[in-house]
PDB file of all heavy atoms in Angstrom:
ATOM      1  N   PRO A   1     -15.200   7.043 -11.571  1.00  0.00           N
ATOM      2  CA  PRO A   1     -13.755   6.849 -11.465  1.00  0.00           C
ATOM      3  C   PRO A   1     -13.192   7.075 -10.066  1.00  0.00           C
ATOM      4  O   PRO A   1     -12.157   6.525  -9.706  1.00  0.00           O
ATOM      5  CB  PRO A   1     -13.186   7.886 -12.429  1.00  0.00           C
ATOM      6  CG  PRO A   1     -14.253   8.134 -13.399  1.00  0.00           C
ATOM      7  CD  PRO A   1     -15.545   7.989 -12.640  1.00  0.00           C
ATOM      8  N   THR A   2     -13.878   7.865  -9.244  1.00  0.00           N
ATOM      9  CA  THR A   2     -13.361   8.081  -7.887  1.00  0.00           C
ATOM     10  C   THR A   2     -13.343   6.774  -7.097  1.00  0.00           C
ATOM     11  O   THR A   2     -12.507   6.613  -6.200  1.00  0.00           O
ATOM     12  CB  THR A   2     -14.174   9.178  -7.161  1.00  0.00           C
ATOM     13  OG1 THR A   2     -13.484   9.564  -5.999  1.00  0.00           O
ATOM     14  CG2 THR A   2     -15.552   8.716  -6.821  1.00  0.00           C
ATOM     15  N   ALA A   3     -14.219   5.836  -7.424  1.00  0.00           N
ATOM     16  CA  ALA A   3     -14.203   4.547  -6.748  1.00  0.00           C
ATOM     17  C   ALA A   3     -12.920   3.774  -7.067  1.00  0.00           C
ATOM     18  O   ALA A   3     -12.360   3.104  -6.181  1.00  0.00           O
ATOM     19  CB  ALA A   3     -15.415   3.718  -7.154  1.00  0.00           C
ATOM     20  N   TYR A   4     -12.454   3.891  -8.292  1.00  0.00           N
ATOM     21  CA  TYR A   4     -11.191   3.219  -8.650  1.00  0.00           C
ATOM     22  C   TYR A   4     -10.002   3.865  -7.938  1.00  0.00           C
ATOM     23  O   TYR A   4      -9.084   3.180  -7.509  1.00  0.00           O
ATOM     24  CB  TYR A   4     -10.997   3.213 -10.158  1.00  0.00           C
ATOM     25  CG  TYR A   4     -11.978   2.362 -10.880  1.00  0.00           C
ATOM     26  CD1 TYR A   4     -12.829   2.901 -11.823  1.00  0.00           C
ATOM     27  CD2 TYR A   4     -12.057   1.006 -10.617  1.00  0.00           C
ATOM     28  CE1 TYR A   4     -13.750   2.103 -12.476  1.00  0.00           C
ATOM     29  CE2 TYR A   4     -12.971   0.201 -11.271  1.00  0.00           C
ATOM     30  CZ  TYR A   4     -13.809   0.758 -12.205  1.00  0.00           C
ATOM     31  OH  TYR A   4     -14.725  -0.036 -12.851  1.00  0.00           O
ATOM     32  N   PHE A   5     -10.019   5.179  -7.843  1.00  0.00           N
ATOM     33  CA  PHE A   5      -8.931   5.865  -7.136  1.00  0.00           C
ATOM     34  C   PHE A   5      -8.893   5.438  -5.661  1.00  0.00           C
ATOM     35  O   PHE A   5      -7.834   5.160  -5.095  1.00  0.00           O
ATOM     36  CB  PHE A   5      -9.079   7.377  -7.210  1.00  0.00           C
ATOM     37  CG  PHE A   5      -8.896   7.956  -8.588  1.00  0.00           C
ATOM     38  CD1 PHE A   5      -9.777   8.898  -9.070  1.00  0.00           C
ATOM     39  CD2 PHE A   5      -7.856   7.543  -9.399  1.00  0.00           C
ATOM     40  CE1 PHE A   5      -9.601   9.443 -10.349  1.00  0.00           C
ATOM     41  CE2 PHE A   5      -7.696   8.063 -10.669  1.00  0.00           C
ATOM     42  CZ  PHE A   5      -8.568   9.024 -11.140  1.00  0.00           C
ATOM     43  N   MET A   6     -10.060   5.391  -5.047  1.00  0.00           N
ATOM     44  CA  MET A   6     -10.109   5.026  -3.619  1.00  0.00           C
ATOM     45  C   MET A   6      -9.794   3.543  -3.414  1.00  0.00           C
ATOM     46  O   MET A   6      -9.174   3.179  -2.427  1.00  0.00           O
ATOM     47  CB  MET A   6     -11.469   5.382  -3.020  1.00  0.00           C
ATOM     48  CG  MET A   6     -11.692   6.884  -2.910  1.00  0.00           C
ATOM     49  SD  MET A   6     -10.392   7.739  -1.982  1.00  0.00           S
ATOM     50  CE  MET A   6     -10.653   7.067  -0.358  1.00  0.00           C
ATOM     51  N   THR A   7     -10.235   2.702  -4.336  1.00  0.00           N
ATOM     52  CA  THR A   7      -9.886   1.286  -4.251  1.00  0.00           C
ATOM     53  C   THR A   7      -8.372   1.114  -4.311  1.00  0.00           C
ATOM     54  O   THR A   7      -7.781   0.390  -3.515  1.00  0.00           O
ATOM     55  CB  THR A   7     -10.549   0.499  -5.400  1.00  0.00           C
ATOM     56  OG1 THR A   7     -11.970   0.597  -5.259  1.00  0.00           O
ATOM     57  CG2 THR A   7     -10.146  -0.957  -5.390  1.00  0.00           C
ATOM     58  N   GLY A   8      -7.742   1.795  -5.248  1.00  0.00           N
ATOM     59  CA  GLY A   8      -6.292   1.732  -5.365  1.00  0.00           C
ATOM     60  C   GLY A   8      -5.599   2.306  -4.151  1.00  0.00           C
ATOM     61  O   GLY A   8      -4.568   1.783  -3.702  1.00  0.00           O
ATOM     62  N   ALA A   9      -6.145   3.375  -3.585  1.00  0.00           N
ATOM     63  CA  ALA A   9      -5.531   3.983  -2.397  1.00  0.00           C
ATOM     64  C   ALA A   9      -5.595   3.027  -1.220  1.00  0.00           C
ATOM     65  O   ALA A   9      -4.617   2.873  -0.472  1.00  0.00           O
ATOM     66  CB  ALA A   9      -6.234   5.300  -2.068  1.00  0.00           C
ATOM     67  N   PHE A  10      -6.730   2.382  -1.007  1.00  0.00           N
ATOM     68  CA  PHE A  10      -6.838   1.439   0.098  1.00  0.00           C
ATOM     69  C   PHE A  10      -5.948   0.212  -0.137  1.00  0.00           C
ATOM     70  O   PHE A  10      -5.358  -0.322   0.803  1.00  0.00           O
ATOM     71  CB  PHE A  10      -8.290   1.011   0.325  1.00  0.00           C
ATOM     72  CG  PHE A  10      -9.056   1.965   1.193  1.00  0.00           C
ATOM     73  CD1 PHE A  10     -10.053   2.750   0.644  1.00  0.00           C
ATOM     74  CD2 PHE A  10      -8.768   2.111   2.537  1.00  0.00           C
ATOM     75  CE1 PHE A  10     -10.747   3.649   1.427  1.00  0.00           C
ATOM     76  CE2 PHE A  10      -9.451   2.985   3.335  1.00  0.00           C
ATOM     77  CZ  PHE A  10     -10.454   3.781   2.772  1.00  0.00           C
ATOM     78  N   ALA A  11      -5.840  -0.223  -1.384  1.00  0.00           N
ATOM     79  CA  ALA A  11      -4.934  -1.352  -1.686  1.00  0.00           C
ATOM     80  C   ALA A  11      -3.492  -0.945  -1.451  1.00  0.00           C
ATOM     81  O   ALA A  11      -2.709  -1.741  -0.900  1.00  0.00           O
ATOM     82  CB  ALA A  11      -5.134  -1.804  -3.125  1.00  0.00           C
ATOM     83  N   ALA A  12      -3.119   0.275  -1.817  1.00  0.00           N
ATOM     84  CA  ALA A  12      -1.753   0.744  -1.582  1.00  0.00           C
ATOM     85  C   ALA A  12      -1.462   0.869  -0.090  1.00  0.00           C
ATOM     86  O   ALA A  12      -0.374   0.531   0.376  1.00  0.00           O
ATOM     87  CB  ALA A  12      -1.520   2.080  -2.272  1.00  0.00           C
ATOM     88  N   PHE A  13      -2.452   1.355   0.680  1.00  0.00           N
ATOM     89  CA  PHE A  13      -2.252   1.473   2.114  1.00  0.00           C
ATOM     90  C   PHE A  13      -2.137   0.091   2.767  1.00  0.00           C
ATOM     91  O   PHE A  13      -1.325  -0.112   3.670  1.00  0.00           O
ATOM     92  CB  PHE A  13      -3.376   2.277   2.750  1.00  0.00           C
ATOM     93  CG  PHE A  13      -3.151   2.593   4.209  1.00  0.00           C
ATOM     94  CD1 PHE A  13      -2.015   3.267   4.604  1.00  0.00           C
ATOM     95  CD2 PHE A  13      -4.058   2.209   5.156  1.00  0.00           C
ATOM     96  CE1 PHE A  13      -1.799   3.555   5.931  1.00  0.00           C
ATOM     97  CE2 PHE A  13      -3.863   2.487   6.479  1.00  0.00           C
ATOM     98  CZ  PHE A  13      -2.731   3.171   6.889  1.00  0.00           C
ATOM     99  N   GLY A  14      -2.957  -0.853   2.306  1.00  0.00           N
ATOM    100  CA  GLY A  14      -2.832  -2.224   2.817  1.00  0.00           C
ATOM    101  C   GLY A  14      -1.479  -2.830   2.461  1.00  0.00           C
ATOM    102  O   GLY A  14      -0.870  -3.522   3.268  1.00  0.00           O
ATOM    103  N   GLY A  15      -0.998  -2.543   1.245  1.00  0.00           N
ATOM    104  CA  GLY A  15       0.334  -3.007   0.863  1.00  0.00           C
ATOM    105  C   GLY A  15       1.434  -2.376   1.693  1.00  0.00           C
ATOM    106  O   GLY A  15       2.427  -3.030   2.038  1.00  0.00           O
ATOM    107  N   LEU A  16       1.244  -1.095   2.037  1.00  0.00           N
ATOM    108  CA  LEU A  16       2.213  -0.420   2.899  1.00  0.00           C
ATOM    109  C   LEU A  16       2.236  -1.062   4.281  1.00  0.00           C
ATOM    110  O   LEU A  16       3.331  -1.323   4.833  1.00  0.00           O
ATOM    111  CB  LEU A  16       1.869   1.056   2.980  1.00  0.00           C
ATOM    112  CG  LEU A  16       2.753   1.934   3.863  1.00  0.00           C
ATOM    113  CD1 LEU A  16       4.189   1.947   3.345  1.00  0.00           C
ATOM    114  CD2 LEU A  16       2.192   3.329   3.951  1.00  0.00           C
ATOM    115  N   LEU A  17       1.069  -1.345   4.837  1.00  0.00           N
ATOM    116  CA  LEU A  17       1.016  -2.006   6.134  1.00  0.00           C
ATOM    117  C   LEU A  17       1.641  -3.400   6.079  1.00  0.00           C
ATOM    118  O   LEU A  17       2.368  -3.800   6.996  1.00  0.00           O
ATOM    119  CB  LEU A  17      -0.428  -2.096   6.620  1.00  0.00           C
ATOM    120  CG  LEU A  17      -1.097  -0.791   7.008  1.00  0.00           C
ATOM    121  CD1 LEU A  17      -2.554  -1.035   7.358  1.00  0.00           C
ATOM    122  CD2 LEU A  17      -0.375  -0.100   8.129  1.00  0.00           C
ATOM    123  N   TYR A  18       1.383  -4.120   4.995  1.00  0.00           N
ATOM    124  CA  TYR A  18       1.960  -5.459   4.840  1.00  0.00           C
ATOM    125  C   TYR A  18       3.483  -5.385   4.718  1.00  0.00           C
ATOM    126  O   TYR A  18       4.195  -6.213   5.304  1.00  0.00           O
ATOM    127  CB  TYR A  18       1.365  -6.145   3.608  1.00  0.00           C
ATOM    128  CG  TYR A  18       1.835  -7.558   3.423  1.00  0.00           C
ATOM    129  CD1 TYR A  18       1.387  -8.574   4.262  1.00  0.00           C
ATOM    130  CD2 TYR A  18       2.750  -7.888   2.428  1.00  0.00           C
ATOM    131  CE1 TYR A  18       1.818  -9.873   4.108  1.00  0.00           C
ATOM    132  CE2 TYR A  18       3.187  -9.184   2.259  1.00  0.00           C
ATOM    133  CZ  TYR A  18       2.720 -10.177   3.113  1.00  0.00           C
ATOM    134  OH  TYR A  18       3.177 -11.469   2.957  1.00  0.00           O
ATOM    135  N   SER A  19       3.990  -4.404   3.994  1.00  0.00           N
ATOM    136  CA  SER A  19       5.432  -4.288   3.849  1.00  0.00           C
ATOM    137  C   SER A  19       6.087  -3.909   5.191  1.00  0.00           C
ATOM    138  O   SER A  19       7.207  -4.347   5.464  1.00  0.00           O
ATOM    139  CB  SER A  19       5.794  -3.256   2.777  1.00  0.00           C
ATOM    140  OG  SER A  19       5.436  -1.952   3.173  1.00  0.00           O
ATOM    141  N   VAL A  20       5.403  -3.150   6.019  1.00  0.00           N
ATOM    142  CA  VAL A  20       5.936  -2.851   7.352  1.00  0.00           C
ATOM    143  C   VAL A  20       5.924  -4.121   8.207  1.00  0.00           C
ATOM    144  O   VAL A  20       6.890  -4.409   8.916  1.00  0.00           O
ATOM    145  CB  VAL A  20       5.138  -1.719   8.016  1.00  0.00           C
ATOM    146  CG1 VAL A  20       5.474  -1.565   9.478  1.00  0.00           C
ATOM    147  CG2 VAL A  20       5.368  -0.393   7.286  1.00  0.00           C
ATOM    148  N   LYS A  21       4.837  -4.870   8.132  1.00  0.00           N
ATOM    149  CA  LYS A  21       4.728  -6.087   8.937  1.00  0.00           C
ATOM    150  C   LYS A  21       5.782  -7.124   8.545  1.00  0.00           C
ATOM    151  O   LYS A  21       6.353  -7.794   9.403  1.00  0.00           O
ATOM    152  CB  LYS A  21       3.328  -6.691   8.770  1.00  0.00           C
ATOM    153  CG  LYS A  21       3.092  -7.908   9.641  1.00  0.00           C
ATOM    154  CD  LYS A  21       1.668  -8.403   9.525  1.00  0.00           C
ATOM    155  CE  LYS A  21       1.470  -9.591  10.423  1.00  0.00           C
ATOM    156  NZ  LYS A  21       0.103 -10.105  10.343  1.00  0.00           N
ATOM    157  N   GLN A  22       6.049  -7.245   7.244  1.00  0.00           N
ATOM    158  CA  GLN A  22       7.024  -8.232   6.774  1.00  0.00           C
ATOM    159  C   GLN A  22       8.454  -7.694   6.773  1.00  0.00           C
ATOM    160  O   GLN A  22       9.364  -8.400   6.340  1.00  0.00           O
ATOM    161  CB  GLN A  22       6.636  -8.696   5.369  1.00  0.00           C
ATOM    162  CG  GLN A  22       5.337  -9.412   5.293  1.00  0.00           C
ATOM    163  CD  GLN A  22       5.319 -10.687   6.142  1.00  0.00           C
ATOM    164  OE1 GLN A  22       6.307 -11.410   6.184  1.00  0.00           O
ATOM    165  NE2 GLN A  22       4.229 -10.918   6.835  1.00  0.00           N
ATOM    166  N   ASP A  23       8.634  -6.471   7.227  1.00  0.00           N
ATOM    167  CA  ASP A  23       9.941  -5.820   7.281  1.00  0.00           C
ATOM    168  C   ASP A  23      10.600  -5.828   5.894  1.00  0.00           C
ATOM    169  O   ASP A  23      11.751  -6.215   5.712  1.00  0.00           O
ATOM    170  CB  ASP A  23      10.852  -6.504   8.308  1.00  0.00           C
ATOM    171  CG  ASP A  23      12.014  -5.608   8.721  1.00  0.00           C
ATOM    172  OD1 ASP A  23      11.860  -4.388   8.627  1.00  0.00           O
ATOM    173  OD2 ASP A  23      13.061  -6.167   9.097  1.00  0.00           O
ATOM    174  N   ALA A  24       9.823  -5.373   4.918  1.00  0.00           N
ATOM    175  CA  ALA A  24      10.293  -5.313   3.528  1.00  0.00           C
ATOM    176  C   ALA A  24      11.335  -4.185   3.382  1.00  0.00           C
ATOM    177  O   ALA A  24      11.437  -3.318   4.260  1.00  0.00           O
ATOM    178  CB  ALA A  24       9.108  -5.028   2.604  1.00  0.00           C
ATOM    179  N   PRO A  25      12.113  -4.224   2.325  1.00  0.00           N
ATOM    180  CA  PRO A  25      13.083  -3.161   2.106  1.00  0.00           C
ATOM    181  C   PRO A  25      12.423  -1.778   2.028  1.00  0.00           C
ATOM    182  O   PRO A  25      11.240  -1.663   1.673  1.00  0.00           O
ATOM    183  CB  PRO A  25      13.727  -3.512   0.768  1.00  0.00           C
ATOM    184  CG  PRO A  25      13.475  -4.966   0.592  1.00  0.00           C
ATOM    185  CD  PRO A  25      12.196  -5.253   1.308  1.00  0.00           C
ATOM    186  N   THR A  26      13.179  -0.770   2.365  1.00  0.00           N
ATOM    187  CA  THR A  26      12.651   0.601   2.411  1.00  0.00           C
ATOM    188  C   THR A  26      12.099   1.035   1.064  1.00  0.00           C
ATOM    189  O   THR A  26      11.145   1.798   0.996  1.00  0.00           O
ATOM    190  CB  THR A  26      13.763   1.547   2.876  1.00  0.00           C
ATOM    191  OG1 THR A  26      14.292   1.080   4.116  1.00  0.00           O
ATOM    192  CG2 THR A  26      13.230   2.955   3.084  1.00  0.00           C
ATOM    193  N   GLY A  27      12.687   0.567  -0.027  1.00  0.00           N
ATOM    194  CA  GLY A  27      12.195   0.943  -1.352  1.00  0.00           C
ATOM    195  C   GLY A  27      10.748   0.565  -1.571  1.00  0.00           C
ATOM    196  O   GLY A  27       9.992   1.315  -2.203  1.00  0.00           O
ATOM    197  N   TRP A  28      10.341  -0.598  -1.083  1.00  0.00           N
ATOM    198  CA  TRP A  28       8.941  -1.013  -1.208  1.00  0.00           C
ATOM    199  C   TRP A  28       8.022  -0.111  -0.412  1.00  0.00           C
ATOM    200  O   TRP A  28       6.936   0.243  -0.858  1.00  0.00           O
ATOM    201  CB  TRP A  28       8.757  -2.455  -0.756  1.00  0.00           C
ATOM    202  CG  TRP A  28       9.226  -3.444  -1.758  1.00  0.00           C
ATOM    203  CD1 TRP A  28      10.371  -4.173  -1.729  1.00  0.00           C
ATOM    204  CD2 TRP A  28       8.569  -3.804  -2.989  1.00  0.00           C
ATOM    205  NE1 TRP A  28      10.464  -4.969  -2.833  1.00  0.00           N
ATOM    206  CE2 TRP A  28       9.381  -4.759  -3.622  1.00  0.00           C
ATOM    207  CE3 TRP A  28       7.393  -3.409  -3.588  1.00  0.00           C
ATOM    208  CZ2 TRP A  28       9.024  -5.311  -4.843  1.00  0.00           C
ATOM    209  CZ3 TRP A  28       7.043  -3.964  -4.806  1.00  0.00           C
ATOM    210  CH2 TRP A  28       7.844  -4.906  -5.410  1.00  0.00           C
ATOM    211  N   ARG A  29       8.446   0.264   0.768  1.00  0.00           N
ATOM    212  CA  ARG A  29       7.633   1.143   1.613  1.00  0.00           C
ATOM    213  C   ARG A  29       7.465   2.506   0.956  1.00  0.00           C
ATOM    214  O   ARG A  29       6.374   3.060   0.952  1.00  0.00           O
ATOM    215  CB  ARG A  29       8.255   1.282   2.990  1.00  0.00           C
ATOM    216  CG  ARG A  29       8.305  -0.009   3.749  1.00  0.00           C
ATOM    217  CD  ARG A  29       8.975   0.171   5.064  1.00  0.00           C
ATOM    218  NE  ARG A  29       9.297  -1.115   5.666  1.00  0.00           N
ATOM    219  CZ  ARG A  29       9.886  -1.246   6.807  1.00  0.00           C
ATOM    220  NH1 ARG A  29      10.253  -0.216   7.501  1.00  0.00           N
ATOM    221  NH2 ARG A  29      10.142  -2.453   7.290  1.00  0.00           N
ATOM    222  N   ILE A  30       8.548   3.012   0.399  1.00  0.00           N
ATOM    223  CA  ILE A  30       8.488   4.303  -0.271  1.00  0.00           C
ATOM    224  C   ILE A  30       7.583   4.215  -1.502  1.00  0.00           C
ATOM    225  O   ILE A  30       6.776   5.120  -1.763  1.00  0.00           O
ATOM    226  CB  ILE A  30       9.899   4.786  -0.651  1.00  0.00           C
ATOM    227  CG1 ILE A  30      10.679   5.123   0.623  1.00  0.00           C
ATOM    228  CG2 ILE A  30       9.846   5.981  -1.591  1.00  0.00           C
ATOM    229  CD1 ILE A  30      12.151   5.411   0.402  1.00  0.00           C
TER     230      ILE A  30
END
């Protein structure tokens, strides 16, 4: 299960970087 947690964490971090790059609303970043 730790692999799923880390997969989700990296996906969330990638989504955070993407939301910063696309200048998404602050709610998405949070």
